[in-house]
Amino acid sequence: MLFRSIPIYAIGLAWPEVFGGTLSIWSHGAMLLGMLALMVVQRDMYMGHGLYWAGATACSDKARPDWMGCDKNLRAALPFMNDEATLRGQTLFFLGLANYNIFKLTTDRTKLNDAVKFSEQSAALSHPMQGQAATNAQAMKREAAAPAGRGR
C-alpha cells in the first residue's frame, strides 16, 4: 500500500542500486513527456491569447477599426479558448460585433447570421460584456428577420 502513494520514479531515484538504474531512465523519459505535454498546453494558451489581443485591438481602434482583421484573428483564436469561459465570451462578443459591422459594409447576410450566432453564444457565457451581448443578439435577430432590401 505504501508504494501506491509513491510515484514510480521516486522509488528508482531513492534506491537506484535495487533497480539497476533502468527505472530512473524510464522515469526521466516519462518526466520529459509530461514536460512536453505542458509545453504544448502553454503554447496553445499563448497562441490563443496572442490571437485574441490582435483581434480585439483591431476591433477596438476607434479611428479606423479593421473588422476583417478582427474577424480573422478572433476566428483563429476561438479553438484555443475552450478552458477559459470569460475570455471565450469576450472573443465571441467581438466576433459578433465584427461580423455585424462587416455585414453593414458588404450586406452579406451570412455575416449577419454569424453575428447573431456569436452574440447568442457570448450571451450564454459569464463575462463582463454578457448583457451587451444579449442586447446585441436581440437587435441583430430583428434585423435578420427584416426583408433583405429594406433601408439599403
Protein backbone atom coordinates (compact mmCIF):
# COMPACT_ATOMS: atom_id res chain seq x y z
CA MET A 1 0.00 0.00 0.00
CA LEU A 2 2.93 2.30 0.67
CA PHE A 3 4.21 2.00 -2.90
CA ARG A 4 0.91 3.12 -4.40
CA SER A 5 1.31 6.56 -2.86
CA ILE A 6 4.93 6.99 -4.02
CA PRO A 7 5.49 7.84 -7.70
CA ILE A 8 7.46 5.15 -9.52
CA TYR A 9 10.28 7.49 -10.50
CA ALA A 10 10.78 8.45 -6.84
CA ILE A 11 11.41 4.79 -5.95
CA GLY A 12 14.03 4.46 -8.67
CA LEU A 13 15.75 7.65 -7.57
CA ALA A 14 15.69 6.68 -3.89
CA TRP A 15 17.01 3.11 -4.39
CA PRO A 16 18.92 3.03 -7.69
CA GLU A 17 21.01 0.02 -6.61
CA VAL A 18 17.88 -2.12 -6.26
CA PHE A 19 16.56 -1.39 -9.73
CA GLY A 20 19.90 -1.13 -11.52
CA GLY A 21 19.34 2.41 -12.73
CA THR A 22 16.92 1.39 -15.51
CA LEU A 23 13.89 2.62 -13.62
CA SER A 24 15.33 6.11 -13.36
CA ILE A 25 15.86 6.18 -17.14
CA TRP A 26 12.21 5.31 -17.73
CA SER A 27 11.05 7.84 -15.17
CA HIS A 28 13.21 10.50 -16.80
CA GLY A 29 11.50 9.77 -20.15
CA ALA A 30 8.09 9.99 -18.52
CA MET A 31 9.06 13.29 -16.93
CA LEU A 32 10.16 14.63 -20.32
CA LEU A 33 6.87 13.55 -21.89
CA GLY A 34 4.99 15.32 -19.13
CA MET A 35 7.03 18.46 -19.68
CA LEU A 36 6.39 18.26 -23.42
CA ALA A 37 2.65 17.99 -22.83
CA LEU A 38 2.81 21.02 -20.54
CA MET A 39 4.74 22.97 -23.17
CA VAL A 40 2.09 22.16 -25.80
CA VAL A 41 -0.65 23.39 -23.46
CA GLN A 42 1.29 26.58 -22.75
CA ARG A 43 1.98 27.12 -26.46
CA ASP A 44 -1.73 26.81 -27.23
CA MET A 45 -2.61 29.18 -24.40
CA TYR A 46 -0.13 31.81 -25.57
CA MET A 47 -1.23 31.39 -29.20
CA GLY A 48 -4.88 31.88 -28.22
CA HIS A 49 -4.13 34.93 -26.10
CA GLY A 50 -1.98 36.48 -28.82
CA LEU A 51 -4.64 35.99 -31.47
CA TYR A 52 -7.29 37.32 -29.11
CA TRP A 53 -5.34 40.51 -28.42
CA ALA A 54 -4.58 41.01 -32.11
CA GLY A 55 -8.28 40.68 -32.95
CA ALA A 56 -9.55 42.73 -30.01
CA THR A 57 -7.08 45.50 -30.83
CA ALA A 58 -8.22 45.52 -34.46
CA CYS A 59 -11.85 45.80 -33.30
CA SER A 60 -11.19 48.47 -30.68
CA ASP A 61 -9.40 51.02 -32.85
CA LYS A 62 -11.73 53.98 -32.51
CA ALA A 63 -10.42 55.94 -35.50
CA ARG A 64 -10.47 53.10 -38.01
CA PRO A 65 -11.44 49.61 -36.86
CA ASP A 66 -10.22 46.73 -39.02
CA TRP A 67 -13.27 44.44 -38.96
CA MET A 68 -11.84 41.89 -41.39
CA GLY A 69 -8.62 41.59 -39.38
CA CYS A 70 -10.64 41.32 -36.19
CA ASP A 71 -12.79 38.55 -37.66
CA LYS A 72 -9.77 36.64 -39.00
CA ASN A 73 -7.75 36.77 -35.76
CA LEU A 74 -10.65 36.03 -33.42
CA ARG A 75 -11.87 33.08 -35.50
CA ALA A 76 -8.33 31.70 -35.30
CA ALA A 77 -8.24 32.28 -31.52
CA LEU A 78 -11.59 30.61 -30.82
CA PRO A 79 -10.34 26.97 -30.75
CA PHE A 80 -7.78 27.90 -28.09
CA MET A 81 -10.39 29.39 -25.73
CA ASN A 82 -12.13 26.22 -24.54
CA ASP A 83 -10.78 26.30 -20.97
CA GLU A 84 -11.34 30.00 -20.28
CA ALA A 85 -15.04 30.88 -20.27
CA THR A 86 -14.53 34.60 -19.66
CA LEU A 87 -12.06 35.04 -22.48
CA ARG A 88 -14.16 32.85 -24.77
CA GLY A 89 -17.22 35.02 -24.04
CA GLN A 90 -15.30 38.18 -24.87
CA THR A 91 -13.91 36.59 -28.04
CA LEU A 92 -17.42 35.66 -29.15
CA PHE A 93 -18.66 39.17 -28.29
CA PHE A 94 -16.03 40.81 -30.50
CA LEU A 95 -16.67 38.23 -33.25
CA GLY A 96 -20.36 39.11 -33.23
CA LEU A 97 -19.55 42.80 -33.36
CA ALA A 98 -17.04 42.35 -36.20
CA ASN A 99 -19.35 40.19 -38.29
CA TYR A 100 -22.24 42.64 -37.82
CA ASN A 101 -20.10 45.54 -38.99
CA ILE A 102 -18.83 43.51 -41.97
CA PHE A 103 -22.49 42.84 -42.81
CA LYS A 104 -23.20 46.58 -42.63
CA LEU A 105 -20.35 47.26 -45.07
CA THR A 106 -20.99 44.41 -47.54
CA THR A 107 -24.68 43.46 -47.00
CA ASP A 108 -23.58 39.80 -46.85
CA ARG A 109 -26.39 38.05 -44.93
CA THR A 110 -24.15 35.15 -43.91
CA LYS A 111 -22.10 37.61 -41.85
CA LEU A 112 -25.29 38.77 -40.14
CA ASN A 113 -26.22 35.16 -39.34
CA ASP A 114 -22.71 34.58 -37.96
CA ALA A 115 -23.03 37.76 -35.89
CA VAL A 116 -26.30 36.54 -34.36
CA LYS A 117 -24.79 33.11 -33.62
CA PHE A 118 -21.65 34.54 -32.00
CA SER A 119 -23.61 37.08 -29.96
CA GLU A 120 -26.01 34.43 -28.65
CA GLN A 121 -23.10 32.17 -27.68
CA SER A 122 -21.42 35.11 -25.95
CA ALA A 123 -24.60 35.97 -24.05
CA ALA A 124 -24.75 32.41 -22.73
CA LEU A 125 -21.32 32.69 -21.05
CA SER A 126 -20.46 34.66 -17.92
CA HIS A 127 -18.18 37.62 -18.69
CA PRO A 128 -18.23 41.42 -18.29
CA MET A 129 -19.93 42.07 -21.66
CA GLN A 130 -22.64 39.41 -21.29
CA GLY A 131 -25.55 41.88 -21.00
CA GLN A 132 -24.42 43.87 -24.02
CA ALA A 133 -24.01 40.63 -25.99
CA ALA A 134 -27.64 39.67 -25.22
CA THR A 135 -28.83 43.13 -26.29
CA ASN A 136 -26.79 42.92 -29.49
CA ALA A 137 -28.13 39.44 -30.26
CA GLN A 138 -31.75 40.62 -29.98
CA ALA A 139 -31.14 43.66 -32.21
CA MET A 140 -29.31 41.53 -34.78
CA LYS A 141 -32.12 38.96 -34.78
CA ARG A 142 -34.66 41.69 -35.52
CA GLU A 143 -32.52 42.93 -38.38
CA ALA A 144 -32.04 39.39 -39.72
CA ALA A 145 -35.82 38.84 -39.71
CA ALA A 146 -36.41 42.03 -41.73
CA PRO A 147 -36.57 41.83 -45.53
CA ALA A 148 -33.15 41.91 -47.18
CA GLY A 149 -33.50 45.07 -49.24
CA ARG A 150 -35.16 47.34 -46.67
CA GLY A 151 -33.31 50.58 -46.00
CA ARG A 152 -30.42 49.90 -48.35
